[in-house]
Amino acid sequence: MYILVEMCAANIEKGSRPVFEKLEQDPRVDVIDYGCLSECGLCSNTMYAFVEGEKVAAQNPERLYDKIISKIDSIDQ
């Protein structure tokens, strides 16, 4: 079973690309980028993704990645 991580293409271009690229290498994850996830207010202020439908946000890519991995680890147990 893959864990679904959804990311906004605009947010990826804004700075979360390293997160997307790392997640692509994780065999547990199916990471998908969408043109828009309809979270424009959030997208303009922070970096974010949806992990199995739950919003995860952080102020920088390193913290976002850590929070996503923590969420994935809690699901993958």
PDB file of N, CA and C in Angstrom:
ATOM      1  N   MET A   1       0.830  -1.174   0.000  1.00  0.00           N
ATOM      2  CA  MET A   1       0.000   0.000   0.000  1.00  0.00           C
ATOM      3  C   MET A   1       0.885   1.252   0.000  1.00  0.00           C
ATOM      4  N   TYR A   2       0.604   2.140  -0.915  1.00  0.00           N
ATOM      5  CA  TYR A   2       1.324   3.403  -0.972  1.00  0.00           C
ATOM      6  C   TYR A   2       0.586   4.458  -0.152  1.00  0.00           C
ATOM      7  N   ILE A   3       1.341   5.351   0.441  1.00  0.00           N
ATOM      8  CA  ILE A   3       0.774   6.484   1.154  1.00  0.00           C
ATOM      9  C   ILE A   3       0.728   7.644   0.173  1.00  0.00           C
ATOM     10  N   LEU A   4      -0.445   8.232   0.018  1.00  0.00           N
ATOM     11  CA  LEU A   4      -0.645   9.297  -0.951  1.00  0.00           C
ATOM     12  C   LEU A   4      -0.249  10.647  -0.361  1.00  0.00           C
ATOM     13  N   VAL A   5       0.654  11.332  -1.060  1.00  0.00           N
ATOM     14  CA  VAL A   5       1.038  12.700  -0.715  1.00  0.00           C
ATOM     15  C   VAL A   5       0.722  13.567  -1.928  1.00  0.00           C
ATOM     16  N   GLU A   6      -0.105  14.588  -1.705  1.00  0.00           N
ATOM     17  CA  GLU A   6      -0.504  15.490  -2.778  1.00  0.00           C
ATOM     18  C   GLU A   6       0.124  16.859  -2.545  1.00  0.00           C
ATOM     19  N   MET A   7       0.709  17.398  -3.610  1.00  0.00           N
ATOM     20  CA  MET A   7       1.359  18.701  -3.507  1.00  0.00           C
ATOM     21  C   MET A   7       0.893  19.596  -4.643  1.00  0.00           C
ATOM     22  N   CYS A   8       0.849  20.890  -4.368  1.00  0.00           N
ATOM     23  CA  CYS A   8       0.449  21.902  -5.336  1.00  0.00           C
ATOM     24  C   CYS A   8       1.661  22.292  -6.178  1.00  0.00           C
ATOM     25  N   ALA A   9       1.509  22.322  -7.497  1.00  0.00           N
ATOM     26  CA  ALA A   9       2.617  22.675  -8.381  1.00  0.00           C
ATOM     27  C   ALA A   9       3.138  24.082  -8.093  1.00  0.00           C
ATOM     28  N   ALA A  10       2.255  25.009  -7.791  1.00  0.00           N
ATOM     29  CA  ALA A  10       2.694  26.377  -7.474  1.00  0.00           C
ATOM     30  C   ALA A  10       3.530  26.389  -6.195  1.00  0.00           C
ATOM     31  N   ASN A  11       3.138  25.587  -5.214  1.00  0.00           N
ATOM     32  CA  ASN A  11       3.881  25.525  -3.963  1.00  0.00           C
ATOM     33  C   ASN A  11       5.224  24.831  -4.173  1.00  0.00           C
ATOM     34  N   ILE A  12       5.261  23.866  -5.053  1.00  0.00           N
ATOM     35  CA  ILE A  12       6.525  23.205  -5.388  1.00  0.00           C
ATOM     36  C   ILE A  12       7.482  24.226  -5.989  1.00  0.00           C
ATOM     37  N   GLU A  13       6.980  25.036  -6.908  1.00  0.00           N
ATOM     38  CA  GLU A  13       7.817  26.053  -7.537  1.00  0.00           C
ATOM     39  C   GLU A  13       8.204  27.148  -6.552  1.00  0.00           C
ATOM     40  N   LYS A  14       7.377  27.377  -5.560  1.00  0.00           N
ATOM     41  CA  LYS A  14       7.645  28.407  -4.554  1.00  0.00           C
ATOM     42  C   LYS A  14       8.786  28.009  -3.616  1.00  0.00           C
ATOM     43  N   GLY A  15       9.081  26.705  -3.523  1.00  0.00           N
ATOM     44  CA  GLY A  15      10.196  26.318  -2.671  1.00  0.00           C
ATOM     45  C   GLY A  15      10.148  24.914  -2.098  1.00  0.00           C
ATOM     46  N   SER A  16       9.066  24.195  -2.304  1.00  0.00           N
ATOM     47  CA  SER A  16       8.978  22.857  -1.714  1.00  0.00           C
ATOM     48  C   SER A  16       9.436  21.745  -2.682  1.00  0.00           C
ATOM     49  N   ARG A  17      10.086  22.129  -3.789  1.00  0.00           N
ATOM     50  CA  ARG A  17      10.582  21.127  -4.746  1.00  0.00           C
ATOM     51  C   ARG A  17      11.499  20.086  -4.094  1.00  0.00           C
ATOM     52  N   PRO A  18      12.425  20.479  -3.191  1.00  0.00           N
ATOM     53  CA  PRO A  18      13.273  19.457  -2.560  1.00  0.00           C
ATOM     54  C   PRO A  18      12.453  18.395  -1.812  1.00  0.00           C
ATOM     55  N   VAL A  19      11.351  18.806  -1.236  1.00  0.00           N
ATOM     56  CA  VAL A  19      10.471  17.862  -0.529  1.00  0.00           C
ATOM     57  C   VAL A  19       9.867  16.890  -1.532  1.00  0.00           C
ATOM     58  N   PHE A  20       9.335  17.422  -2.619  1.00  0.00           N
ATOM     59  CA  PHE A  20       8.738  16.591  -3.665  1.00  0.00           C
ATOM     60  C   PHE A  20       9.752  15.578  -4.184  1.00  0.00           C
ATOM     61  N   GLU A  21      10.966  16.044  -4.471  1.00  0.00           N
ATOM     62  CA  GLU A  21      11.988  15.156  -5.031  1.00  0.00           C
ATOM     63  C   GLU A  21      12.411  14.071  -4.050  1.00  0.00           C
ATOM     64  N   LYS A  22      12.530  14.399  -2.769  1.00  0.00           N
ATOM     65  CA  LYS A  22      12.863  13.382  -1.765  1.00  0.00           C
ATOM     66  C   LYS A  22      11.743  12.361  -1.636  1.00  0.00           C
ATOM     67  N   LEU A  23      10.509  12.836  -1.644  1.00  0.00           N
ATOM     68  CA  LEU A  23       9.368  11.924  -1.498  1.00  0.00           C
ATOM     69  C   LEU A  23       9.239  10.991  -2.693  1.00  0.00           C
ATOM     70  N   GLU A  24       9.634  11.459  -3.867  1.00  0.00           N
ATOM     71  CA  GLU A  24       9.608  10.590  -5.056  1.00  0.00           C
ATOM     72  C   GLU A  24      10.514   9.382  -4.881  1.00  0.00           C
ATOM     73  N   GLN A  25      11.539   9.494  -4.055  1.00  0.00           N
ATOM     74  CA  GLN A  25      12.489   8.406  -3.833  1.00  0.00           C
ATOM     75  C   GLN A  25      12.043   7.432  -2.739  1.00  0.00           C
ATOM     76  N   ASP A  26      11.013   7.790  -1.991  1.00  0.00           N
ATOM     77  CA  ASP A  26      10.539   6.962  -0.882  1.00  0.00           C
ATOM     78  C   ASP A  26       9.609   5.877  -1.421  1.00  0.00           C
ATOM     79  N   PRO A  27       9.962   4.600  -1.272  1.00  0.00           N
ATOM     80  CA  PRO A  27       9.147   3.521  -1.836  1.00  0.00           C
ATOM     81  C   PRO A  27       7.767   3.372  -1.193  1.00  0.00           C
ATOM     82  N   ARG A  28       7.553   4.004  -0.057  1.00  0.00           N
ATOM     83  CA  ARG A  28       6.243   3.924   0.607  1.00  0.00           C
ATOM     84  C   ARG A  28       5.250   4.935   0.066  1.00  0.00           C
ATOM     85  N   VAL A  29       5.735   5.882  -0.724  1.00  0.00           N
ATOM     86  CA  VAL A  29       4.955   7.069  -1.062  1.00  0.00           C
ATOM     87  C   VAL A  29       4.587   7.116  -2.537  1.00  0.00           C
ATOM     88  N   ASP A  30       3.362   7.548  -2.801  1.00  0.00           N
ATOM     89  CA  ASP A  30       2.923   7.917  -4.137  1.00  0.00           C
ATOM     90  C   ASP A  30       2.689   9.425  -4.077  1.00  0.00           C
ATOM     91  N   VAL A  31       3.638  10.207  -4.575  1.00  0.00           N
ATOM     92  CA  VAL A  31       3.549  11.668  -4.502  1.00  0.00           C
ATOM     93  C   VAL A  31       3.053  12.198  -5.844  1.00  0.00           C
ATOM     94  N   ILE A  32       2.048  13.056  -5.772  1.00  0.00           N
ATOM     95  CA  ILE A  32       1.414  13.596  -6.973  1.00  0.00           C
ATOM     96  C   ILE A  32       1.410  15.111  -6.870  1.00  0.00           C
ATOM     97  N   ASP A  33       1.764  15.764  -7.967  1.00  0.00           N
ATOM     98  CA  ASP A  33       1.642  17.224  -7.991  1.00  0.00           C
ATOM     99  C   ASP A  33       0.443  17.605  -8.846  1.00  0.00           C
ATOM    100  N   TYR A  34      -0.332  18.511  -8.311  1.00  0.00           N
ATOM    101  CA  TYR A  34      -1.516  19.027  -8.988  1.00  0.00           C
ATOM    102  C   TYR A  34      -1.277  20.491  -9.323  1.00  0.00           C
ATOM    103  N   GLY A  35      -1.930  20.976 -10.353  1.00  0.00           N
ATOM    104  CA  GLY A  35      -1.818  22.387 -10.703  1.00  0.00           C
ATOM    105  C   GLY A  35      -2.294  23.275  -9.577  1.00  0.00           C
ATOM    106  N   CYS A  36      -3.322  22.831  -8.862  1.00  0.00           N
ATOM    107  CA  CYS A  36      -3.867  23.610  -7.752  1.00  0.00           C
ATOM    108  C   CYS A  36      -4.619  22.676  -6.815  1.00  0.00           C
ATOM    109  N   LEU A  37      -4.473  22.917  -5.526  1.00  0.00           N
ATOM    110  CA  LEU A  37      -5.212  22.149  -4.519  1.00  0.00           C
ATOM    111  C   LEU A  37      -6.239  23.016  -3.802  1.00  0.00           C
ATOM    112  N   SER A  38      -6.525  24.186  -4.359  1.00  0.00           N
ATOM    113  CA  SER A  38      -7.537  25.118  -3.823  1.00  0.00           C
ATOM    114  C   SER A  38      -7.247  25.555  -2.397  1.00  0.00           C
ATOM    115  N   GLU A  39      -5.982  25.754  -2.105  1.00  0.00           N
ATOM    116  CA  GLU A  39      -5.542  26.245  -0.792  1.00  0.00           C
ATOM    117  C   GLU A  39      -4.680  27.492  -1.012  1.00  0.00           C
ATOM    118  N   CYS A  40      -5.168  28.421  -1.828  1.00  0.00           N
ATOM    119  CA  CYS A  40      -4.363  29.561  -2.268  1.00  0.00           C
ATOM    120  C   CYS A  40      -3.872  30.436  -1.112  1.00  0.00           C
ATOM    121  N   GLY A  41      -4.702  30.659  -0.108  1.00  0.00           N
ATOM    122  CA  GLY A  41      -4.275  31.445   1.048  1.00  0.00           C
ATOM    123  C   GLY A  41      -3.123  30.784   1.773  1.00  0.00           C
ATOM    124  N   LEU A  42      -3.250  29.500   2.014  1.00  0.00           N
ATOM    125  CA  LEU A  42      -2.186  28.737   2.664  1.00  0.00           C
ATOM    126  C   LEU A  42      -0.946  28.701   1.773  1.00  0.00           C
ATOM    127  N   CYS A  43      -1.143  28.476   0.502  1.00  0.00           N
ATOM    128  CA  CYS A  43      -0.049  28.350  -0.457  1.00  0.00           C
ATOM    129  C   CYS A  43       0.778  29.637  -0.540  1.00  0.00           C
ATOM    130  N   SER A  44       0.117  30.767  -0.423  1.00  0.00           N
ATOM    131  CA  SER A  44       0.842  32.030  -0.535  1.00  0.00           C
ATOM    132  C   SER A  44       1.651  32.349   0.722  1.00  0.00           C
ATOM    133  N   ASN A  45       1.329  31.708   1.842  1.00  0.00           N
ATOM    134  CA  ASN A  45       1.982  32.024   3.113  1.00  0.00           C
ATOM    135  C   ASN A  45       2.956  30.979   3.634  1.00  0.00           C
ATOM    136  N   THR A  46       2.850  29.752   3.145  1.00  0.00           N
ATOM    137  CA  THR A  46       3.660  28.680   3.718  1.00  0.00           C
ATOM    138  C   THR A  46       3.822  27.549   2.707  1.00  0.00           C
ATOM    139  N   MET A  47       4.522  26.529   3.096  1.00  0.00           N
ATOM    140  CA  MET A  47       4.659  25.322   2.285  1.00  0.00           C
ATOM    141  C   MET A  47       3.768  24.256   2.888  1.00  0.00           C
ATOM    142  N   TYR A  48       3.152  23.461   2.029  1.00  0.00           N
ATOM    143  CA  TYR A  48       2.206  22.472   2.542  1.00  0.00           C
ATOM    144  C   TYR A  48       2.051  21.305   1.583  1.00  0.00           C
ATOM    145  N   ALA A  49       1.420  20.269   2.095  1.00  0.00           N
ATOM    146  CA  ALA A  49       1.050  19.091   1.308  1.00  0.00           C
ATOM    147  C   ALA A  49      -0.104  18.420   2.029  1.00  0.00           C
ATOM    148  N   PHE A  50      -0.753  17.510   1.343  1.00  0.00           N
ATOM    149  CA  PHE A  50      -1.755  16.663   1.963  1.00  0.00           C
ATOM    150  C   PHE A  50      -1.188  15.250   2.040  1.00  0.00           C
ATOM    151  N   VAL A  51      -1.226  14.658   3.216  1.00  0.00           N
ATOM    152  CA  VAL A  51      -0.791  13.284   3.416  1.00  0.00           C
ATOM    153  C   VAL A  51      -2.028  12.483   3.758  1.00  0.00           C
ATOM    154  N   GLU A  52      -2.415  11.601   2.843  1.00  0.00           N
ATOM    155  CA  GLU A  52      -3.647  10.822   3.011  1.00  0.00           C
ATOM    156  C   GLU A  52      -4.821  11.742   3.366  1.00  0.00           C
ATOM    157  N   GLY A  53      -4.874  12.890   2.693  1.00  0.00           N
ATOM    158  CA  GLY A  53      -5.989  13.821   2.865  1.00  0.00           C
ATOM    159  C   GLY A  53      -5.862  14.787   4.028  1.00  0.00           C
ATOM    160  N   GLU A  54      -4.822  14.649   4.842  1.00  0.00           N
ATOM    161  CA  GLU A  54      -4.629  15.534   5.987  1.00  0.00           C
ATOM    162  C   GLU A  54      -3.563  16.581   5.661  1.00  0.00           C
ATOM    163  N   LYS A  55      -3.919  17.834   5.902  1.00  0.00           N
ATOM    164  CA  LYS A  55      -3.020  18.939   5.598  1.00  0.00           C
ATOM    165  C   LYS A  55      -1.827  18.956   6.544  1.00  0.00           C
ATOM    166  N   VAL A  56      -0.623  19.135   5.959  1.00  0.00           N
ATOM    167  CA  VAL A  56       0.616  19.274   6.716  1.00  0.00           C
ATOM    168  C   VAL A  56       1.292  20.536   6.181  1.00  0.00           C
ATOM    169  N   ALA A  57       1.654  21.462   7.075  1.00  0.00           N
ATOM    170  CA  ALA A  57       2.251  22.723   6.646  1.00  0.00           C
ATOM    171  C   ALA A  57       3.456  23.070   7.505  1.00  0.00           C
ATOM    172  N   ALA A  58       4.363  23.850   6.917  1.00  0.00           N
ATOM    173  CA  ALA A  58       5.555  24.311   7.629  1.00  0.00           C
ATOM    174  C   ALA A  58       6.100  25.543   6.923  1.00  0.00           C
ATOM    175  N   GLN A  59       6.973  26.254   7.592  1.00  0.00           N
ATOM    176  CA  GLN A  59       7.513  27.496   7.047  1.00  0.00           C
ATOM    177  C   GLN A  59       8.710  27.302   6.118  1.00  0.00           C
ATOM    178  N   ASN A  60       9.307  26.116   6.130  1.00  0.00           N
ATOM    179  CA  ASN A  60      10.449  25.880   5.239  1.00  0.00           C
ATOM    180  C   ASN A  60      10.434  24.426   4.767  1.00  0.00           C
ATOM    181  N   PRO A  61      11.144  24.127   3.681  1.00  0.00           N
ATOM    182  CA  PRO A  61      11.092  22.780   3.122  1.00  0.00           C
ATOM    183  C   PRO A  61      11.617  21.695   4.056  1.00  0.00           C
ATOM    184  N   GLU A  62      12.650  22.010   4.821  1.00  0.00           N
ATOM    185  CA  GLU A  62      13.207  21.004   5.727  1.00  0.00           C
ATOM    186  C   GLU A  62      12.181  20.581   6.770  1.00  0.00           C
ATOM    187  N   ARG A  63      11.512  21.556   7.349  1.00  0.00           N
ATOM    188  CA  ARG A  63      10.502  21.263   8.378  1.00  0.00           C
ATOM    189  C   ARG A  63       9.290  20.558   7.758  1.00  0.00           C
ATOM    190  N   LEU A  64       8.906  20.971   6.550  1.00  0.00           N
ATOM    191  CA  LEU A  64       7.786  20.311   5.875  1.00  0.00           C
ATOM    192  C   LEU A  64       8.115  18.844   5.642  1.00  0.00           C
ATOM    193  N   TYR A  65       9.308  18.569   5.158  1.00  0.00           N
ATOM    194  CA  TYR A  65       9.707  17.186   4.914  1.00  0.00           C
ATOM    195  C   TYR A  65       9.662  16.378   6.214  1.00  0.00           C
ATOM    196  N   ASP A  66      10.213  16.939   7.280  1.00  0.00           N
ATOM    197  CA  ASP A  66      10.207  16.242   8.573  1.00  0.00           C
ATOM    198  C   ASP A  66       8.786  15.937   9.039  1.00  0.00           C
ATOM    199  N   LYS A  67       7.893  16.897   8.886  1.00  0.00           N
ATOM    200  CA  LYS A  67       6.505  16.692   9.324  1.00  0.00           C
ATOM    201  C   LYS A  67       5.794  15.653   8.456  1.00  0.00           C
ATOM    202  N   ILE A  68       6.069  15.674   7.155  1.00  0.00           N
ATOM    203  CA  ILE A  68       5.464  14.684   6.254  1.00  0.00           C
ATOM    204  C   ILE A  68       5.971  13.290   6.600  1.00  0.00           C
ATOM    205  N   ILE A  69       7.266  13.151   6.802  1.00  0.00           N
ATOM    206  CA  ILE A  69       7.835  11.843   7.147  1.00  0.00           C
ATOM    207  C   ILE A  69       7.280  11.354   8.477  1.00  0.00           C
ATOM    208  N   SER A  70       7.139  12.226   9.430  1.00  0.00           N
ATOM    209  CA  SER A  70       6.550  11.845  10.717  1.00  0.00           C
ATOM    210  C   SER A  70       5.132  11.319  10.523  1.00  0.00           C
ATOM    211  N   LYS A  71       4.357  11.998   9.693  1.00  0.00           N
ATOM    212  CA  LYS A  71       2.984  11.566   9.405  1.00  0.00           C
ATOM    213  C   LYS A  71       2.991  10.221   8.687  1.00  0.00           C
ATOM    214  N   ILE A  72       3.873  10.076   7.709  1.00  0.00           N
ATOM    215  CA  ILE A  72       3.973   8.807   6.970  1.00  0.00           C
ATOM    216  C   ILE A  72       4.350   7.680   7.923  1.00  0.00           C
ATOM    217  N   ASP A  73       5.322   7.929   8.790  1.00  0.00           N
ATOM    218  CA  ASP A  73       5.746   6.903   9.751  1.00  0.00           C
ATOM    219  C   ASP A  73       4.593   6.475  10.658  1.00  0.00           C
ATOM    220  N   SER A  74       3.769   7.429  11.063  1.00  0.00           N
ATOM    221  CA  SER A  74       2.642   7.080  11.948  1.00  0.00           C
ATOM    222  C   SER A  74       1.590   6.262  11.209  1.00  0.00           C
ATOM    223  N   ILE A  75       1.438   6.485   9.919  1.00  0.00           N
ATOM    224  CA  ILE A  75       0.486   5.726   9.099  1.00  0.00           C
ATOM    225  C   ILE A  75       1.038   4.351   8.767  1.00  0.00           C
ATOM    226  N   ASP A  76       2.336   4.277   8.533  1.00  0.00           N
ATOM    227  CA  ASP A  76       2.990   3.069   8.025  1.00  0.00           C
ATOM    228  C   ASP A  76       3.291   2.028   9.117  1.00  0.00           C
ATOM    229  N   GLN A  77       2.833   2.251  10.303  1.00  0.00           N
ATOM    230  CA  GLN A  77       3.117   1.279  11.395  1.00  0.00           C
ATOM    231  C   GLN A  77       2.165   0.128  11.373  1.00  0.00           C
TER     232      GLN A  77
END
